[in-house]
């Protein structure tokens, strides 16, 4: 990400980026609920009135960072999908990329998923999430051939990757299993297991599910 995490000085040519960098650093230290807009100003070295040139309140600042989080996810997931032309491998690569994003950009991950931002007040968040859905649905659609089944598969794989990402963050896995590489591999294996489950569940109904390793 290109957000500056360590703004310096009181006169910034890029006030918006300075405030975002300060807020991101505070979230990394305290979580998305652990700071005030005034604290972000002090961290950025600007007056407490400065944010209102760009952000109406603290939530607006967090929304801006959440959108950057969605953009970063979209970039990473698009790169993951280019790793193979096989849809099962692509979905597994997405799951691994999800875990890596959560580990490498924890503050953005926490803002995006744990800040409790109101999407009815900030519809741009729903639009950003929808763009991720639109990028990934063609992959699961190739595996299922059915829109509802494709959405169900995407939700299951995403939920599994999300849970594993949280396990890693909270050190909930024992010993050598609690490493980024291991959890990435587990996310990919879980994606394949969910695809295989779908294949077995639908084979008796005569539906075709393409999968490969």
C-alpha atoms as a PDB file:
ATOM      1  CA  UNK A   1       0.000   0.000   0.000  1.00  0.00           C
ATOM      2  CA  UNK A   2       1.105   3.585  -0.626  1.00  0.00           C
ATOM      3  CA  UNK A   3      -0.468   5.182   2.463  1.00  0.00           C
ATOM      4  CA  UNK A   4       2.299   6.932   4.394  1.00  0.00           C
ATOM      5  CA  UNK A   5       2.275   5.542   7.905  1.00  0.00           C
ATOM      6  CA  UNK A   6       4.693   8.124   9.343  1.00  0.00           C
ATOM      7  CA  UNK A   7       3.724  11.648   8.378  1.00  0.00           C
ATOM      8  CA  UNK A   8       6.040  14.327   9.752  1.00  0.00           C
ATOM      9  CA  UNK A   9       5.889  18.072  10.274  1.00  0.00           C
ATOM     10  CA  UNK A  10       2.918  20.390  10.651  1.00  0.00           C
ATOM     11  CA  UNK A  11       2.716  21.694   7.082  1.00  0.00           C
ATOM     12  CA  UNK A  12       1.743  18.895   4.707  1.00  0.00           C
ATOM     13  CA  UNK A  13       1.283  19.214   0.996  1.00  0.00           C
ATOM     14  CA  UNK A  14      -0.847  16.094   1.276  1.00  0.00           C
ATOM     15  CA  UNK A  15      -2.988  16.550   4.365  1.00  0.00           C
ATOM     16  CA  UNK A  16      -5.371  13.763   3.400  1.00  0.00           C
ATOM     17  CA  UNK A  17      -2.602  11.198   3.065  1.00  0.00           C
ATOM     18  CA  UNK A  18      -0.999  12.388   6.317  1.00  0.00           C
ATOM     19  CA  UNK A  19      -4.243  11.860   8.223  1.00  0.00           C
ATOM     20  CA  UNK A  20      -4.805   8.467   6.625  1.00  0.00           C
ATOM     21  CA  UNK A  21      -1.279   7.401   7.521  1.00  0.00           C
ATOM     22  CA  UNK A  22      -1.730   8.546  11.113  1.00  0.00           C
ATOM     23  CA  UNK A  23      -5.064   6.751  11.425  1.00  0.00           C
ATOM     24  CA  UNK A  24      -3.618   3.564   9.927  1.00  0.00           C
ATOM     25  CA  UNK A  25      -0.767   3.603  12.437  1.00  0.00           C
ATOM     26  CA  UNK A  26      -3.218   4.099  15.308  1.00  0.00           C
ATOM     27  CA  UNK A  27      -5.397   1.246  14.092  1.00  0.00           C
ATOM     28  CA  UNK A  28      -2.331  -0.996  13.926  1.00  0.00           C
ATOM     29  CA  UNK A  29      -1.588  -0.133  17.559  1.00  0.00           C
ATOM     30  CA  UNK A  30      -5.081  -0.054  19.058  1.00  0.00           C
ATOM     31  CA  UNK A  31      -7.619  -1.441  16.599  1.00  0.00           C
ATOM     32  CA  UNK A  32     -10.234   0.446  14.569  1.00  0.00           C
ATOM     33  CA  UNK A  33     -12.169   1.575  17.658  1.00  0.00           C
ATOM     34  CA  UNK A  34      -9.187   2.613  19.746  1.00  0.00           C
ATOM     35  CA  UNK A  35      -8.534   6.204  18.706  1.00  0.00           C
ATOM     36  CA  UNK A  36     -10.222   9.558  18.167  1.00  0.00           C
ATOM     37  CA  UNK A  37      -9.992  11.959  15.262  1.00  0.00           C
ATOM     38  CA  UNK A  38      -8.116  14.382  17.532  1.00  0.00           C
ATOM     39  CA  UNK A  39      -5.501  11.701  18.230  1.00  0.00           C
ATOM     40  CA  UNK A  40      -5.073  11.145  14.499  1.00  0.00           C
ATOM     41  CA  UNK A  41      -4.490  14.889  14.128  1.00  0.00           C
ATOM     42  CA  UNK A  42      -1.854  14.899  16.856  1.00  0.00           C
ATOM     43  CA  UNK A  43      -0.133  11.887  15.293  1.00  0.00           C
ATOM     44  CA  UNK A  44      -0.143  13.644  11.915  1.00  0.00           C
ATOM     45  CA  UNK A  45       1.100  16.884  13.454  1.00  0.00           C
ATOM     46  CA  UNK A  46      -1.840  18.998  12.288  1.00  0.00           C
ATOM     47  CA  UNK A  47      -4.512  21.064  14.018  1.00  0.00           C
ATOM     48  CA  UNK A  48      -7.699  19.379  15.241  1.00  0.00           C
ATOM     49  CA  UNK A  49      -9.696  21.370  12.700  1.00  0.00           C
ATOM     50  CA  UNK A  50      -7.594  20.120   9.791  1.00  0.00           C
ATOM     51  CA  UNK A  51      -9.492  16.858   9.073  1.00  0.00           C
ATOM     52  CA  UNK A  52     -12.739  18.610   8.253  1.00  0.00           C
ATOM     53  CA  UNK A  53     -11.261  19.809   4.980  1.00  0.00           C
ATOM     54  CA  UNK A  54     -11.385  16.163   3.892  1.00  0.00           C
ATOM     55  CA  UNK A  55     -13.306  14.070   6.436  1.00  0.00           C
ATOM     56  CA  UNK A  56     -16.601  14.917   8.132  1.00  0.00           C
ATOM     57  CA  UNK A  57     -15.836  12.632  11.084  1.00  0.00           C
ATOM     58  CA  UNK A  58     -13.732   9.665  12.203  1.00  0.00           C
ATOM     59  CA  UNK A  59     -15.916   7.213  10.297  1.00  0.00           C
ATOM     60  CA  UNK A  60     -15.322   9.115   7.072  1.00  0.00           C
ATOM     61  CA  UNK A  61     -11.566   8.761   7.633  1.00  0.00           C
ATOM     62  CA  UNK A  62     -11.976   5.038   8.259  1.00  0.00           C
ATOM     63  CA  UNK A  63     -14.177   4.693   5.159  1.00  0.00           C
ATOM     64  CA  UNK A  64     -11.399   6.188   3.051  1.00  0.00           C
ATOM     65  CA  UNK A  65      -8.990   3.602   4.445  1.00  0.00           C
ATOM     66  CA  UNK A  66     -11.505   0.781   4.012  1.00  0.00           C
ATOM     67  CA  UNK A  67     -11.772   1.691   0.335  1.00  0.00           C
ATOM     68  CA  UNK A  68      -7.993   1.466   0.070  1.00  0.00           C
ATOM     69  CA  UNK A  69      -8.289  -1.942   1.721  1.00  0.00           C
ATOM     70  CA  UNK A  70     -10.751  -3.087  -0.903  1.00  0.00           C
ATOM     71  CA  UNK A  71      -8.495  -1.753  -3.661  1.00  0.00           C
ATOM     72  CA  UNK A  72      -5.530  -3.640  -2.242  1.00  0.00           C
ATOM     73  CA  UNK A  73      -7.563  -6.825  -1.967  1.00  0.00           C
ATOM     74  CA  UNK A  74      -8.734  -6.463  -5.548  1.00  0.00           C
ATOM     75  CA  UNK A  75      -5.145  -6.012  -6.744  1.00  0.00           C
ATOM     76  CA  UNK A  76      -3.915  -9.046  -4.809  1.00  0.00           C
ATOM     77  CA  UNK A  77      -6.792 -11.306  -5.822  1.00  0.00           C
ATOM     78  CA  UNK A  78      -6.448 -10.349  -9.487  1.00  0.00           C
ATOM     79  CA  UNK A  79      -2.776 -11.314  -9.317  1.00  0.00           C
ATOM     80  CA  UNK A  80      -3.702 -14.606  -7.638  1.00  0.00           C
ATOM     81  CA  UNK A  81      -6.154 -15.453 -10.406  1.00  0.00           C
ATOM     82  CA  UNK A  82      -3.415 -15.085 -13.018  1.00  0.00           C
ATOM     83  CA  UNK A  83      -1.437 -17.905 -11.378  1.00  0.00           C
ATOM     84  CA  UNK A  84      -3.413 -20.561 -13.274  1.00  0.00           C
ATOM     85  CA  UNK A  85      -6.053 -21.012 -15.928  1.00  0.00           C
ATOM     86  CA  UNK A  86      -7.732 -23.803 -13.940  1.00  0.00           C
ATOM     87  CA  UNK A  87     -10.653 -22.389 -11.904  1.00  0.00           C
ATOM     88  CA  UNK A  88     -10.068 -24.693  -8.929  1.00  0.00           C
ATOM     89  CA  UNK A  89      -6.451 -23.589  -8.713  1.00  0.00           C
ATOM     90  CA  UNK A  90      -7.531 -19.977  -9.123  1.00  0.00           C
ATOM     91  CA  UNK A  91      -9.993 -20.241  -6.247  1.00  0.00           C
ATOM     92  CA  UNK A  92      -7.357 -21.869  -4.053  1.00  0.00           C
ATOM     93  CA  UNK A  93      -4.901 -19.087  -4.927  1.00  0.00           C
ATOM     94  CA  UNK A  94      -7.542 -16.515  -3.987  1.00  0.00           C
ATOM     95  CA  UNK A  95      -8.026 -18.178  -0.597  1.00  0.00           C
ATOM     96  CA  UNK A  96      -4.286 -18.101   0.073  1.00  0.00           C
ATOM     97  CA  UNK A  97      -4.095 -14.459  -1.049  1.00  0.00           C
ATOM     98  CA  UNK A  98      -6.928 -13.603   1.351  1.00  0.00           C
ATOM     99  CA  UNK A  99      -4.919 -14.967   4.279  1.00  0.00           C
ATOM    100  CA  UNK A 100      -1.773 -13.132   3.166  1.00  0.00           C
ATOM    101  CA  UNK A 101      -3.634  -9.823   2.831  1.00  0.00           C
ATOM    102  CA  UNK A 102      -4.963 -10.180   6.380  1.00  0.00           C
ATOM    103  CA  UNK A 103      -1.463 -10.893   7.690  1.00  0.00           C
ATOM    104  CA  UNK A 104       0.482  -8.299   5.725  1.00  0.00           C
ATOM    105  CA  UNK A 105      -2.101  -5.492   5.872  1.00  0.00           C
ATOM    106  CA  UNK A 106      -3.675  -6.170   9.237  1.00  0.00           C
ATOM    107  CA  UNK A 107      -4.745  -2.583   9.899  1.00  0.00           C
ATOM    108  CA  UNK A 108      -6.536  -2.368   6.548  1.00  0.00           C
ATOM    109  CA  UNK A 109      -8.064  -5.787   7.151  1.00  0.00           C
ATOM    110  CA  UNK A 110      -9.340  -4.723  10.578  1.00  0.00           C
ATOM    111  CA  UNK A 111     -10.792  -1.481   9.220  1.00  0.00           C
ATOM    112  CA  UNK A 112     -12.477  -3.238   6.327  1.00  0.00           C
ATOM    113  CA  UNK A 113     -14.062  -6.016   8.370  1.00  0.00           C
ATOM    114  CA  UNK A 114     -14.114  -4.985  12.033  1.00  0.00           C
ATOM    115  CA  UNK A 115     -14.745  -1.229  12.145  1.00  0.00           C
ATOM    116  CA  UNK A 116     -18.530  -1.615  11.937  1.00  0.00           C
ATOM    117  CA  UNK A 117     -18.882   1.053   9.259  1.00  0.00           C
ATOM    118  CA  UNK A 118     -22.464   1.726   8.187  1.00  0.00           C
ATOM    119  CA  UNK A 119     -22.816   0.767   4.521  1.00  0.00           C
ATOM    120  CA  UNK A 120     -26.193   2.509   4.304  1.00  0.00           C
ATOM    121  CA  UNK A 121     -24.408   5.783   5.089  1.00  0.00           C
ATOM    122  CA  UNK A 122     -21.423   4.900   2.932  1.00  0.00           C
ATOM    123  CA  UNK A 123     -22.722   2.979  -0.105  1.00  0.00           C
ATOM    124  CA  UNK A 124     -19.305   3.213  -1.718  1.00  0.00           C
ATOM    125  CA  UNK A 125     -18.221   0.430   0.637  1.00  0.00           C
ATOM    126  CA  UNK A 126     -20.906  -1.888  -0.678  1.00  0.00           C
ATOM    127  CA  UNK A 127     -19.890  -0.965  -4.225  1.00  0.00           C
ATOM    128  CA  UNK A 128     -16.255  -1.807  -3.473  1.00  0.00           C
ATOM    129  CA  UNK A 129     -17.250  -5.155  -1.983  1.00  0.00           C
ATOM    130  CA  UNK A 130     -19.449  -5.786  -4.996  1.00  0.00           C
ATOM    131  CA  UNK A 131     -16.471  -5.247  -7.298  1.00  0.00           C
ATOM    132  CA  UNK A 132     -14.611  -8.055  -5.503  1.00  0.00           C
ATOM    133  CA  UNK A 133     -17.657 -10.282  -5.924  1.00  0.00           C
ATOM    134  CA  UNK A 134     -17.827  -9.448  -9.630  1.00  0.00           C
ATOM    135  CA  UNK A 135     -14.141 -10.309 -10.084  1.00  0.00           C
ATOM    136  CA  UNK A 136     -14.448 -13.700  -8.381  1.00  0.00           C
ATOM    137  CA  UNK A 137     -17.849 -14.952  -9.471  1.00  0.00           C
ATOM    138  CA  UNK A 138     -16.701 -15.885 -13.001  1.00  0.00           C
ATOM    139  CA  UNK A 139     -14.232 -18.317 -11.405  1.00  0.00           C
ATOM    140  CA  UNK A 140     -16.820 -20.101  -9.270  1.00  0.00           C
ATOM    141  CA  UNK A 141     -19.317 -19.933 -12.146  1.00  0.00           C
ATOM    142  CA  UNK A 142     -16.856 -21.958 -14.252  1.00  0.00           C
ATOM    143  CA  UNK A 143     -16.803 -24.562 -11.491  1.00  0.00           C
ATOM    144  CA  UNK A 144     -20.559 -24.805 -10.994  1.00  0.00           C
ATOM    145  CA  UNK A 145     -22.320 -23.556 -14.097  1.00  0.00           C
ATOM    146  CA  UNK A 146     -25.084 -22.211 -11.858  1.00  0.00           C
ATOM    147  CA  UNK A 147     -25.199 -18.657 -10.409  1.00  0.00           C
ATOM    148  CA  UNK A 148     -26.640 -19.664  -7.034  1.00  0.00           C
ATOM    149  CA  UNK A 149     -24.204 -22.529  -6.580  1.00  0.00           C
ATOM    150  CA  UNK A 150     -21.351 -20.270  -7.718  1.00  0.00           C
ATOM    151  CA  UNK A 151     -22.253 -17.663  -5.100  1.00  0.00           C
ATOM    152  CA  UNK A 152     -22.580 -20.347  -2.412  1.00  0.00           C
ATOM    153  CA  UNK A 153     -19.125 -21.714  -3.249  1.00  0.00           C
ATOM    154  CA  UNK A 154     -17.565 -18.243  -3.192  1.00  0.00           C
ATOM    155  CA  UNK A 155     -19.115 -17.510   0.219  1.00  0.00           C
ATOM    156  CA  UNK A 156     -17.884 -20.808   1.660  1.00  0.00           C
ATOM    157  CA  UNK A 157     -14.322 -20.406   0.405  1.00  0.00           C
ATOM    158  CA  UNK A 158     -14.194 -16.754   1.516  1.00  0.00           C
ATOM    159  CA  UNK A 159     -15.595 -17.592   4.954  1.00  0.00           C
ATOM    160  CA  UNK A 160     -13.067 -20.393   5.432  1.00  0.00           C
ATOM    161  CA  UNK A 161     -10.177 -18.129   4.415  1.00  0.00           C
ATOM    162  CA  UNK A 162     -11.479 -15.380   6.703  1.00  0.00           C
ATOM    163  CA  UNK A 163     -11.674 -17.747   9.647  1.00  0.00           C
ATOM    164  CA  UNK A 164      -8.177 -19.071   9.047  1.00  0.00           C
ATOM    165  CA  UNK A 165      -6.873 -15.499   8.758  1.00  0.00           C
ATOM    166  CA  UNK A 166      -8.364 -14.702  12.166  1.00  0.00           C
ATOM    167  CA  UNK A 167      -6.940 -17.904  13.654  1.00  0.00           C
ATOM    168  CA  UNK A 168      -3.486 -16.808  12.481  1.00  0.00           C
ATOM    169  CA  UNK A 169      -3.933 -13.266  13.822  1.00  0.00           C
ATOM    170  CA  UNK A 170      -5.028 -14.504  17.234  1.00  0.00           C
ATOM    171  CA  UNK A 171      -2.345 -17.232  17.498  1.00  0.00           C
ATOM    172  CA  UNK A 172      -5.073 -19.851  17.794  1.00  0.00           C
ATOM    173  CA  UNK A 173      -3.250 -22.574  15.883  1.00  0.00           C
ATOM    174  CA  UNK A 174      -0.682 -24.735  17.680  1.00  0.00           C
ATOM    175  CA  UNK A 175       3.048 -24.579  17.135  1.00  0.00           C
ATOM    176  CA  UNK A 176       4.283 -24.920  13.591  1.00  0.00           C
ATOM    177  CA  UNK A 177       0.745 -24.635  12.214  1.00  0.00           C
ATOM    178  CA  UNK A 178       0.598 -20.995  13.271  1.00  0.00           C
ATOM    179  CA  UNK A 179       2.723 -19.599  10.428  1.00  0.00           C
ATOM    180  CA  UNK A 180       1.643 -17.586   7.423  1.00  0.00           C
ATOM    181  CA  UNK A 181       2.908 -20.167   4.917  1.00  0.00           C
ATOM    182  CA  UNK A 182       1.107 -23.009   6.685  1.00  0.00           C
ATOM    183  CA  UNK A 183      -2.174 -21.136   6.984  1.00  0.00           C
ATOM    184  CA  UNK A 184      -1.981 -20.030   3.343  1.00  0.00           C
ATOM    185  CA  UNK A 185      -1.559 -23.674   2.356  1.00  0.00           C
ATOM    186  CA  UNK A 186      -4.449 -24.665   4.619  1.00  0.00           C
ATOM    187  CA  UNK A 187      -6.688 -22.049   3.001  1.00  0.00           C
ATOM    188  CA  UNK A 188      -5.845 -23.406  -0.448  1.00  0.00           C
ATOM    189  CA  UNK A 189      -6.474 -27.005   0.684  1.00  0.00           C
ATOM    190  CA  UNK A 190      -9.793 -25.999   2.207  1.00  0.00           C
ATOM    191  CA  UNK A 191     -10.833 -24.366  -1.057  1.00  0.00           C
ATOM    192  CA  UNK A 192     -10.058 -27.591  -2.911  1.00  0.00           C
ATOM    193  CA  UNK A 193     -11.973 -29.604  -0.292  1.00  0.00           C
ATOM    194  CA  UNK A 194     -15.027 -27.381  -0.743  1.00  0.00           C
ATOM    195  CA  UNK A 195     -14.798 -27.764  -4.515  1.00  0.00           C
ATOM    196  CA  UNK A 196     -14.510 -31.550  -4.141  1.00  0.00           C
ATOM    197  CA  UNK A 197     -17.518 -31.561  -1.805  1.00  0.00           C
ATOM    198  CA  UNK A 198     -19.496 -29.646  -4.383  1.00  0.00           C
ATOM    199  CA  UNK A 199     -18.445 -32.119  -7.070  1.00  0.00           C
ATOM    200  CA  UNK A 200     -19.647 -35.093  -5.018  1.00  0.00           C
ATOM    201  CA  UNK A 201     -22.873 -33.342  -4.062  1.00  0.00           C
ATOM    202  CA  UNK A 202     -23.766 -32.473  -7.628  1.00  0.00           C
ATOM    203  CA  UNK A 203     -22.514 -35.547  -9.501  1.00  0.00           C
ATOM    204  CA  UNK A 204     -25.655 -37.513  -8.698  1.00  0.00           C
ATOM    205  CA  UNK A 205     -27.726 -34.711 -10.187  1.00  0.00           C
ATOM    206  CA  UNK A 206     -25.814 -34.804 -13.441  1.00  0.00           C
ATOM    207  CA  UNK A 207     -24.148 -31.372 -13.088  1.00  0.00           C
ATOM    208  CA  UNK A 208     -20.584 -30.918 -14.282  1.00  0.00           C
ATOM    209  CA  UNK A 209     -17.989 -29.524 -11.897  1.00  0.00           C
ATOM    210  CA  UNK A 210     -14.509 -28.878 -13.274  1.00  0.00           C
ATOM    211  CA  UNK A 211     -11.696 -29.207 -10.786  1.00  0.00           C
ATOM    212  CA  UNK A 212      -8.008 -29.854 -10.842  1.00  0.00           C
ATOM    213  CA  UNK A 213      -4.898 -29.601  -8.775  1.00  0.00           C
END
